[in-house]
């Protein structure tokens, strides 16, 4: 985990906007669950900027979110929250 923190700190100047992409199945409320997981870690009621895109086949949906994060630890905590989201297939 320390390697992850060092890598994030060497490539980002915190606080900053951090782009996160979650790809999953378009099950009911997938986008909402992704946003709630991020908000839970940020401790805010404000929805961070996001966009969605569904695959041409309709089998997958991607959610790109750009929250303002305070440090590398917060980024890792957000990813930990997102790994628990139902329907998640990939995180970038």
PDB file of N, CA and C in Angstrom:
ATOM      1  N   UNK A   1       0.820  -1.187   0.000  1.00  0.00           N
ATOM      2  CA  UNK A   1       0.000   0.000   0.000  1.00  0.00           C
ATOM      3  C   UNK A   1       0.865   1.253   0.000  1.00  0.00           C
ATOM      4  N   UNK A   2       2.008   1.207   0.691  1.00  0.00           N
ATOM      5  CA  UNK A   2       2.899   2.358   0.691  1.00  0.00           C
ATOM      6  C   UNK A   2       3.404   2.673  -0.700  1.00  0.00           C
ATOM      7  N   UNK A   3       3.625   1.617  -1.509  1.00  0.00           N
ATOM      8  CA  UNK A   3       4.048   1.834  -2.892  1.00  0.00           C
ATOM      9  C   UNK A   3       2.968   2.577  -3.675  1.00  0.00           C
ATOM     10  N   UNK A   4       1.706   2.218  -3.425  1.00  0.00           N
ATOM     11  CA  UNK A   4       0.595   2.906  -4.096  1.00  0.00           C
ATOM     12  C   UNK A   4       0.544   4.380  -3.702  1.00  0.00           C
ATOM     13  N   UNK A   5       0.732   4.651  -2.435  1.00  0.00           N
ATOM     14  CA  UNK A   5       0.718   6.036  -1.956  1.00  0.00           C
ATOM     15  C   UNK A   5       1.875   6.813  -2.573  1.00  0.00           C
ATOM     16  N   UNK A   6       3.062   6.214  -2.574  1.00  0.00           N
ATOM     17  CA  UNK A   6       4.226   6.885  -3.163  1.00  0.00           C
ATOM     18  C   UNK A   6       4.016   7.164  -4.642  1.00  0.00           C
ATOM     19  N   UNK A   7       3.445   6.213  -5.365  1.00  0.00           N
ATOM     20  CA  UNK A   7       3.185   6.405  -6.792  1.00  0.00           C
ATOM     21  C   UNK A   7       2.188   7.543  -7.014  1.00  0.00           C
ATOM     22  N   UNK A   8       1.102   7.537  -6.262  1.00  0.00           N
ATOM     23  CA  UNK A   8       0.111   8.609  -6.399  1.00  0.00           C
ATOM     24  C   UNK A   8       0.721   9.973  -6.068  1.00  0.00           C
ATOM     25  N   UNK A   9       1.503  10.033  -5.011  1.00  0.00           N
ATOM     26  CA  UNK A   9       2.114  11.301  -4.611  1.00  0.00           C
ATOM     27  C   UNK A   9       3.162  11.775  -5.611  1.00  0.00           C
ATOM     28  N   UNK A  10       3.786  10.856  -6.329  1.00  0.00           N
ATOM     29  CA  UNK A  10       4.792  11.257  -7.310  1.00  0.00           C
ATOM     30  C   UNK A  10       4.169  11.718  -8.629  1.00  0.00           C
ATOM     31  N   UNK A  11       2.900  11.361  -8.846  1.00  0.00           N
ATOM     32  CA  UNK A  11       2.258  11.708 -10.120  1.00  0.00           C
ATOM     33  C   UNK A  11       1.138  12.730  -9.987  1.00  0.00           C
ATOM     34  N   UNK A  12       0.793  13.103  -8.747  1.00  0.00           N
ATOM     35  CA  UNK A  12      -0.282  14.074  -8.521  1.00  0.00           C
ATOM     36  C   UNK A  12       0.127  15.068  -7.442  1.00  0.00           C
ATOM     37  N   UNK A  13      -0.354  16.275  -7.599  1.00  0.00           N
ATOM     38  CA  UNK A  13      -0.141  17.291  -6.569  1.00  0.00           C
ATOM     39  C   UNK A  13      -1.463  17.486  -5.840  1.00  0.00           C
ATOM     40  N   UNK A  14      -1.519  17.003  -4.604  1.00  0.00           N
ATOM     41  CA  UNK A  14      -2.748  17.044  -3.812  1.00  0.00           C
ATOM     42  C   UNK A  14      -2.860  18.342  -3.047  1.00  0.00           C
ATOM     43  N   UNK A  15      -4.081  18.820  -2.803  1.00  0.00           N
ATOM     44  CA  UNK A  15      -5.365  18.312  -3.280  1.00  0.00           C
ATOM     45  C   UNK A  15      -5.533  18.574  -4.780  1.00  0.00           C
ATOM     46  N   UNK A  16      -6.321  17.708  -5.412  1.00  0.00           N
ATOM     47  CA  UNK A  16      -6.538  17.836  -6.853  1.00  0.00           C
ATOM     48  C   UNK A  16      -7.812  17.105  -7.266  1.00  0.00           C
ATOM     49  N   UNK A  17      -8.264  17.386  -8.493  1.00  0.00           N
ATOM     50  CA  UNK A  17      -9.327  16.587  -9.071  1.00  0.00           C
ATOM     51  C   UNK A  17      -8.688  15.287  -9.536  1.00  0.00           C
ATOM     52  N   UNK A  18      -9.345  14.183  -9.260  1.00  0.00           N
ATOM     53  CA  UNK A  18      -8.806  12.868  -9.601  1.00  0.00           C
ATOM     54  C   UNK A  18      -9.851  12.121 -10.411  1.00  0.00           C
ATOM     55  N   UNK A  19      -9.476  11.659 -11.585  1.00  0.00           N
ATOM     56  CA  UNK A  19     -10.423  10.970 -12.462  1.00  0.00           C
ATOM     57  C   UNK A  19     -10.483   9.486 -12.126  1.00  0.00           C
ATOM     58  N   UNK A  20     -11.691   9.015 -11.912  1.00  0.00           N
ATOM     59  CA  UNK A  20     -11.947   7.613 -11.593  1.00  0.00           C
ATOM     60  C   UNK A  20     -12.973   7.100 -12.592  1.00  0.00           C
ATOM     61  N   UNK A  21     -12.727   5.913 -13.136  1.00  0.00           N
ATOM     62  CA  UNK A  21     -13.678   5.307 -14.061  1.00  0.00           C
ATOM     63  C   UNK A  21     -14.068   3.942 -13.517  1.00  0.00           C
ATOM     64  N   UNK A  22     -15.370   3.753 -13.360  1.00  0.00           N
ATOM     65  CA  UNK A  22     -15.917   2.471 -12.918  1.00  0.00           C
ATOM     66  C   UNK A  22     -16.749   1.903 -14.056  1.00  0.00           C
ATOM     67  N   UNK A  23     -16.498   0.648 -14.395  1.00  0.00           N
ATOM     68  CA  UNK A  23     -17.232  -0.017 -15.464  1.00  0.00           C
ATOM     69  C   UNK A  23     -17.977  -1.190 -14.852  1.00  0.00           C
ATOM     70  N   UNK A  24     -19.246  -1.283 -15.207  1.00  0.00           N
ATOM     71  CA  UNK A  24     -20.045  -2.356 -14.639  1.00  0.00           C
ATOM     72  C   UNK A  24     -21.209  -2.734 -15.516  1.00  0.00           C
ATOM     73  N   UNK A  25     -21.997  -3.642 -14.991  1.00  0.00           N
ATOM     74  CA  UNK A  25     -23.197  -4.035 -15.701  1.00  0.00           C
ATOM     75  C   UNK A  25     -24.275  -2.995 -15.404  1.00  0.00           C
ATOM     76  N   UNK A  26     -25.106  -2.719 -16.385  1.00  0.00           N
ATOM     77  CA  UNK A  26     -26.112  -1.672 -16.182  1.00  0.00           C
ATOM     78  C   UNK A  26     -27.274  -2.164 -15.314  1.00  0.00           C
ATOM     79  N   UNK A  27     -26.924  -2.783 -14.185  1.00  0.00           N
ATOM     80  CA  UNK A  27     -27.949  -3.226 -13.246  1.00  0.00           C
ATOM     81  C   UNK A  27     -28.579  -1.996 -12.609  1.00  0.00           C
ATOM     82  N   UNK A  28     -29.704  -2.216 -12.029  1.00  0.00           N
ATOM     83  CA  UNK A  28     -30.456  -1.112 -11.437  1.00  0.00           C
ATOM     84  C   UNK A  28     -29.587  -0.295 -10.477  1.00  0.00           C
ATOM     85  N   UNK A  29     -29.504   0.969 -10.718  1.00  0.00           N
ATOM     86  CA  UNK A  29     -28.838   1.948  -9.846  1.00  0.00           C
ATOM     87  C   UNK A  29     -27.316   1.810  -9.757  1.00  0.00           C
ATOM     88  N   UNK A  30     -26.659   1.194 -10.745  1.00  0.00           N
ATOM     89  CA  UNK A  30     -25.197   1.074 -10.703  1.00  0.00           C
ATOM     90  C   UNK A  30     -24.541   2.454 -10.594  1.00  0.00           C
ATOM     91  N   UNK A  31     -24.966   3.389 -11.425  1.00  0.00           N
ATOM     92  CA  UNK A  31     -24.370   4.731 -11.412  1.00  0.00           C
ATOM     93  C   UNK A  31     -24.558   5.369 -10.036  1.00  0.00           C
ATOM     94  N   UNK A  32     -25.740   5.269  -9.492  1.00  0.00           N
ATOM     95  CA  UNK A  32     -26.016   5.842  -8.169  1.00  0.00           C
ATOM     96  C   UNK A  32     -25.168   5.229  -7.080  1.00  0.00           C
ATOM     97  N   UNK A  33     -24.967   3.912  -7.142  1.00  0.00           N
ATOM     98  CA  UNK A  33     -24.138   3.249  -6.129  1.00  0.00           C
ATOM     99  C   UNK A  33     -22.683   3.684  -6.230  1.00  0.00           C
ATOM    100  N   UNK A  34     -22.198   3.886  -7.444  1.00  0.00           N
ATOM    101  CA  UNK A  34     -20.826   4.384  -7.626  1.00  0.00           C
ATOM    102  C   UNK A  34     -20.697   5.766  -6.997  1.00  0.00           C
ATOM    103  N   UNK A  35     -21.639   6.642  -7.304  1.00  0.00           N
ATOM    104  CA  UNK A  35     -21.580   8.003  -6.770  1.00  0.00           C
ATOM    105  C   UNK A  35     -21.703   8.017  -5.252  1.00  0.00           C
ATOM    106  N   UNK A  36     -22.583   7.190  -4.700  1.00  0.00           N
ATOM    107  CA  UNK A  36     -22.737   7.125  -3.245  1.00  0.00           C
ATOM    108  C   UNK A  36     -21.477   6.613  -2.558  1.00  0.00           C
ATOM    109  N   UNK A  37     -20.802   5.651  -3.171  1.00  0.00           N
ATOM    110  CA  UNK A  37     -19.558   5.128  -2.585  1.00  0.00           C
ATOM    111  C   UNK A  37     -18.500   6.226  -2.512  1.00  0.00           C
ATOM    112  N   UNK A  38     -18.402   7.022  -3.566  1.00  0.00           N
ATOM    113  CA  UNK A  38     -17.425   8.113  -3.579  1.00  0.00           C
ATOM    114  C   UNK A  38     -17.817   9.189  -2.582  1.00  0.00           C
ATOM    115  N   UNK A  39     -19.090   9.560  -2.566  1.00  0.00           N
ATOM    116  CA  UNK A  39     -19.556  10.574  -1.618  1.00  0.00           C
ATOM    117  C   UNK A  39     -19.339  10.136  -0.178  1.00  0.00           C
ATOM    118  N   UNK A  40     -19.541   8.850   0.101  1.00  0.00           N
ATOM    119  CA  UNK A  40     -19.359   8.341   1.460  1.00  0.00           C
ATOM    120  C   UNK A  40     -17.926   8.551   1.926  1.00  0.00           C
ATOM    121  N   UNK A  41     -16.985   8.353   1.037  1.00  0.00           N
ATOM    122  CA  UNK A  41     -15.581   8.531   1.416  1.00  0.00           C
ATOM    123  C   UNK A  41     -15.204  10.005   1.500  1.00  0.00           C
ATOM    124  N   UNK A  42     -15.806  10.827   0.643  1.00  0.00           N
ATOM    125  CA  UNK A  42     -15.504  12.260   0.676  1.00  0.00           C
ATOM    126  C   UNK A  42     -16.168  12.945   1.861  1.00  0.00           C
ATOM    127  N   UNK A  43     -17.223  12.335   2.386  1.00  0.00           N
ATOM    128  CA  UNK A  43     -17.952  12.942   3.492  1.00  0.00           C
ATOM    129  C   UNK A  43     -18.725  14.170   3.070  1.00  0.00           C
ATOM    130  N   UNK A  44     -19.209  14.161   1.846  1.00  0.00           N
ATOM    131  CA  UNK A  44     -19.937  15.314   1.312  1.00  0.00           C
ATOM    132  C   UNK A  44     -21.284  14.878   0.771  1.00  0.00           C
ATOM    133  N   UNK A  45     -22.236  15.812   0.777  1.00  0.00           N
ATOM    134  CA  UNK A  45     -23.533  15.569   0.166  1.00  0.00           C
ATOM    135  C   UNK A  45     -23.538  16.002  -1.292  1.00  0.00           C
ATOM    136  N   UNK A  46     -22.489  16.692  -1.708  1.00  0.00           N
ATOM    137  CA  UNK A  46     -22.405  17.211  -3.073  1.00  0.00           C
ATOM    138  C   UNK A  46     -21.986  16.077  -4.006  1.00  0.00           C
ATOM    139  N   UNK A  47     -22.704  15.940  -5.126  1.00  0.00           N
ATOM    140  CA  UNK A  47     -22.351  14.937  -6.123  1.00  0.00           C
ATOM    141  C   UNK A  47     -21.185  15.475  -6.944  1.00  0.00           C
ATOM    142  N   UNK A  48     -20.062  14.739  -7.008  1.00  0.00           N
ATOM    143  CA  UNK A  48     -18.928  15.213  -7.810  1.00  0.00           C
ATOM    144  C   UNK A  48     -19.277  15.161  -9.299  1.00  0.00           C
ATOM    145  N   UNK A  49     -18.587  15.930 -10.112  1.00  0.00           N
ATOM    146  CA  UNK A  49     -18.850  15.900 -11.558  1.00  0.00           C
ATOM    147  C   UNK A  49     -18.666  14.477 -12.101  1.00  0.00           C
ATOM    148  N   UNK A  50     -19.596  14.068 -12.982  1.00  0.00           N
ATOM    149  CA  UNK A  50     -19.507  12.725 -13.552  1.00  0.00           C
ATOM    150  C   UNK A  50     -20.171  12.692 -14.920  1.00  0.00           C
ATOM    151  N   UNK A  51     -19.815  11.657 -15.666  1.00  0.00           N
ATOM    152  CA  UNK A  51     -20.468  11.388 -16.942  1.00  0.00           C
ATOM    153  C   UNK A  51     -20.616   9.874 -17.068  1.00  0.00           C
ATOM    154  N   UNK A  52     -21.542   9.458 -17.916  1.00  0.00           N
ATOM    155  CA  UNK A  52     -21.755   8.037 -18.133  1.00  0.00           C
ATOM    156  C   UNK A  52     -21.749   7.743 -19.623  1.00  0.00           C
ATOM    157  N   UNK A  53     -21.463   6.486 -19.917  1.00  0.00           N
ATOM    158  CA  UNK A  53     -21.492   6.048 -21.316  1.00  0.00           C
ATOM    159  C   UNK A  53     -21.816   4.566 -21.336  1.00  0.00           C
ATOM    160  N   UNK A  54     -22.822   4.207 -22.116  1.00  0.00           N
ATOM    161  CA  UNK A  54     -23.207   2.808 -22.228  1.00  0.00           C
ATOM    162  C   UNK A  54     -22.555   2.213 -23.470  1.00  0.00           C
ATOM    163  N   UNK A  55     -22.147   0.953 -23.379  1.00  0.00           N
ATOM    164  CA  UNK A  55     -21.551   0.283 -24.534  1.00  0.00           C
ATOM    165  C   UNK A  55     -22.602   0.120 -25.630  1.00  0.00           C
ATOM    166  N   UNK A  56     -22.144  -0.050 -26.848  1.00  0.00           N
ATOM    167  CA  UNK A  56     -23.070  -0.172 -27.977  1.00  0.00           C
ATOM    168  C   UNK A  56     -23.963  -1.404 -27.845  1.00  0.00           C
ATOM    169  N   UNK A  57     -23.467  -2.432 -27.171  1.00  0.00           N
ATOM    170  CA  UNK A  57     -24.271  -3.636 -26.974  1.00  0.00           C
ATOM    171  C   UNK A  57     -25.244  -3.496 -25.806  1.00  0.00           C
ATOM    172  N   UNK A  58     -25.012  -2.477 -24.951  1.00  0.00           N
ATOM    173  CA  UNK A  58     -25.867  -2.270 -23.793  1.00  0.00           C
ATOM    174  C   UNK A  58     -25.541  -3.166 -22.615  1.00  0.00           C
ATOM    175  N   UNK A  59     -24.477  -3.944 -22.719  1.00  0.00           N
ATOM    176  CA  UNK A  59     -24.109  -4.870 -21.636  1.00  0.00           C
ATOM    177  C   UNK A  59     -23.265  -4.220 -20.547  1.00  0.00           C
ATOM    178  N   UNK A  60     -22.663  -3.073 -20.824  1.00  0.00           N
ATOM    179  CA  UNK A  60     -21.793  -2.406 -19.858  1.00  0.00           C
ATOM    180  C   UNK A  60     -22.098  -0.917 -19.823  1.00  0.00           C
ATOM    181  N   UNK A  61     -21.799  -0.320 -18.682  1.00  0.00           N
ATOM    182  CA  UNK A  61     -21.899   1.130 -18.547  1.00  0.00           C
ATOM    183  C   UNK A  61     -20.648   1.612 -17.823  1.00  0.00           C
ATOM    184  N   UNK A  62     -20.118   2.735 -18.272  1.00  0.00           N
ATOM    185  CA  UNK A  62     -18.958   3.310 -17.584  1.00  0.00           C
ATOM    186  C   UNK A  62     -19.386   4.619 -16.934  1.00  0.00           C
ATOM    187  N   UNK A  63     -18.840   4.846 -15.762  1.00  0.00           N
ATOM    188  CA  UNK A  63     -19.093   6.070 -15.012  1.00  0.00           C
ATOM    189  C   UNK A  63     -17.739   6.715 -14.778  1.00  0.00           C
ATOM    190  N   UNK A  64     -17.556   7.917 -15.277  1.00  0.00           N
ATOM    191  CA  UNK A  64     -16.322   8.667 -15.067  1.00  0.00           C
ATOM    192  C   UNK A  64     -16.625   9.777 -14.076  1.00  0.00           C
ATOM    193  N   UNK A  65     -15.909   9.780 -12.962  1.00  0.00           N
ATOM    194  CA  UNK A  65     -16.157  10.732 -11.881  1.00  0.00           C
ATOM    195  C   UNK A  65     -14.861  11.486 -11.601  1.00  0.00           C
ATOM    196  N   UNK A  66     -14.961  12.790 -11.362  1.00  0.00           N
ATOM    197  CA  UNK A  66     -13.774  13.595 -11.054  1.00  0.00           C
ATOM    198  C   UNK A  66     -13.958  14.339  -9.733  1.00  0.00           C
ATOM    199  N   UNK A  67     -13.849  13.611  -8.611  1.00  0.00           N
ATOM    200  CA  UNK A  67     -13.973  14.270  -7.317  1.00  0.00           C
ATOM    201  C   UNK A  67     -12.703  15.043  -6.955  1.00  0.00           C
ATOM    202  N   UNK A  68     -12.846  16.023  -6.085  1.00  0.00           N
ATOM    203  CA  UNK A  68     -11.705  16.717  -5.501  1.00  0.00           C
ATOM    204  C   UNK A  68     -11.242  15.876  -4.314  1.00  0.00           C
ATOM    205  N   UNK A  69      -9.998  15.400  -4.377  1.00  0.00           N
ATOM    206  CA  UNK A  69      -9.451  14.569  -3.304  1.00  0.00           C
ATOM    207  C   UNK A  69      -8.350  15.335  -2.578  1.00  0.00           C
ATOM    208  N   UNK A  70      -8.198  15.013  -1.304  1.00  0.00           N
ATOM    209  CA  UNK A  70      -7.244  15.744  -0.467  1.00  0.00           C
ATOM    210  C   UNK A  70      -5.849  15.129  -0.459  1.00  0.00           C
ATOM    211  N   UNK A  71      -5.776  13.789  -0.586  1.00  0.00           N
ATOM    212  CA  UNK A  71      -4.469  13.131  -0.529  1.00  0.00           C
ATOM    213  C   UNK A  71      -4.552  11.727  -1.110  1.00  0.00           C
ATOM    214  N   UNK A  72      -3.411  11.075  -1.205  1.00  0.00           N
ATOM    215  CA  UNK A  72      -3.334   9.741  -1.795  1.00  0.00           C
ATOM    216  C   UNK A  72      -4.123   8.722  -0.971  1.00  0.00           C
ATOM    217  N   UNK A  73      -4.119   8.864   0.337  1.00  0.00           N
ATOM    218  CA  UNK A  73      -4.864   7.947   1.186  1.00  0.00           C
ATOM    219  C   UNK A  73      -6.358   7.996   0.871  1.00  0.00           C
ATOM    220  N   UNK A  74      -6.861   9.189   0.582  1.00  0.00           N
ATOM    221  CA  UNK A  74      -8.276   9.323   0.249  1.00  0.00           C
ATOM    222  C   UNK A  74      -8.586   8.634  -1.083  1.00  0.00           C
ATOM    223  N   UNK A  75      -7.682   8.728  -2.039  1.00  0.00           N
ATOM    224  CA  UNK A  75      -7.869   8.046  -3.323  1.00  0.00           C
ATOM    225  C   UNK A  75      -7.975   6.538  -3.087  1.00  0.00           C
ATOM    226  N   UNK A  76      -7.073   5.979  -2.309  1.00  0.00           N
ATOM    227  CA  UNK A  76      -7.098   4.547  -2.039  1.00  0.00           C
ATOM    228  C   UNK A  76      -8.356   4.138  -1.283  1.00  0.00           C
ATOM    229  N   UNK A  77      -8.809   4.983  -0.387  1.00  0.00           N
ATOM    230  CA  UNK A  77     -10.037   4.699   0.356  1.00  0.00           C
ATOM    231  C   UNK A  77     -11.249   4.702  -0.579  1.00  0.00           C
ATOM    232  N   UNK A  78     -11.274   5.611  -1.539  1.00  0.00           N
ATOM    233  CA  UNK A  78     -12.364   5.649  -2.520  1.00  0.00           C
ATOM    234  C   UNK A  78     -12.364   4.362  -3.331  1.00  0.00           C
ATOM    235  N   UNK A  79     -11.194   3.939  -3.804  1.00  0.00           N
ATOM    236  CA  UNK A  79     -11.115   2.693  -4.572  1.00  0.00           C
ATOM    237  C   UNK A  79     -11.575   1.504  -3.735  1.00  0.00           C
ATOM    238  N   UNK A  80     -11.258   1.486  -2.454  1.00  0.00           N
ATOM    239  CA  UNK A  80     -11.708   0.403  -1.575  1.00  0.00           C
ATOM    240  C   UNK A  80     -13.228   0.387  -1.489  1.00  0.00           C
ATOM    241  N   UNK A  81     -13.832   1.562  -1.365  1.00  0.00           N
ATOM    242  CA  UNK A  81     -15.303   1.660  -1.338  1.00  0.00           C
ATOM    243  C   UNK A  81     -15.896   1.166  -2.654  1.00  0.00           C
ATOM    244  N   UNK A  82     -15.296   1.566  -3.761  1.00  0.00           N
ATOM    245  CA  UNK A  82     -15.837   1.210  -5.071  1.00  0.00           C
ATOM    246  C   UNK A  82     -15.754  -0.288  -5.350  1.00  0.00           C
ATOM    247  N   UNK A  83     -14.741  -0.961  -4.822  1.00  0.00           N
ATOM    248  CA  UNK A  83     -14.616  -2.400  -5.046  1.00  0.00           C
ATOM    249  C   UNK A  83     -15.794  -3.180  -4.457  1.00  0.00           C
ATOM    250  N   UNK A  84     -16.545  -2.559  -3.564  1.00  0.00           N
ATOM    251  CA  UNK A  84     -17.691  -3.205  -2.935  1.00  0.00           C
ATOM    252  C   UNK A  84     -19.008  -2.962  -3.669  1.00  0.00           C
ATOM    253  N   UNK A  85     -18.992  -2.163  -4.737  1.00  0.00           N
ATOM    254  CA  UNK A  85     -20.208  -1.815  -5.463  1.00  0.00           C
ATOM    255  C   UNK A  85     -20.709  -3.004  -6.279  1.00  0.00           C
ATOM    256  N   UNK A  86     -21.985  -3.334  -6.094  1.00  0.00           N
ATOM    257  CA  UNK A  86     -22.599  -4.437  -6.840  1.00  0.00           C
ATOM    258  C   UNK A  86     -22.583  -4.141  -8.333  1.00  0.00           C
ATOM    259  N   UNK A  87     -22.201  -5.121  -9.125  1.00  0.00           N
ATOM    260  CA  UNK A  87     -22.188  -4.985 -10.572  1.00  0.00           C
ATOM    261  C   UNK A  87     -20.881  -4.467 -11.141  1.00  0.00           C
ATOM    262  N   UNK A  88     -19.933  -4.081 -10.278  1.00  0.00           N
ATOM    263  CA  UNK A  88     -18.644  -3.550 -10.742  1.00  0.00           C
ATOM    264  C   UNK A  88     -17.847  -4.624 -11.463  1.00  0.00           C
ATOM    265  N   UNK A  89     -17.299  -4.267 -12.627  1.00  0.00           N
ATOM    266  CA  UNK A  89     -16.462  -5.193 -13.386  1.00  0.00           C
ATOM    267  C   UNK A  89     -15.004  -4.736 -13.454  1.00  0.00           C
ATOM    268  N   UNK A  90     -14.794  -3.404 -13.522  1.00  0.00           N
ATOM    269  CA  UNK A  90     -13.434  -2.892 -13.667  1.00  0.00           C
ATOM    270  C   UNK A  90     -13.355  -1.476 -13.096  1.00  0.00           C
ATOM    271  N   UNK A  91     -12.202  -1.172 -12.520  1.00  0.00           N
ATOM    272  CA  UNK A  91     -11.901   0.182 -12.030  1.00  0.00           C
ATOM    273  C   UNK A  91     -10.653   0.684 -12.713  1.00  0.00           C
ATOM    274  N   UNK A  92     -10.681   1.925 -13.154  1.00  0.00           N
ATOM    275  CA  UNK A  92      -9.510   2.559 -13.760  1.00  0.00           C
ATOM    276  C   UNK A  92      -9.241   3.854 -13.028  1.00  0.00           C
TER     277      UNK A  92
END
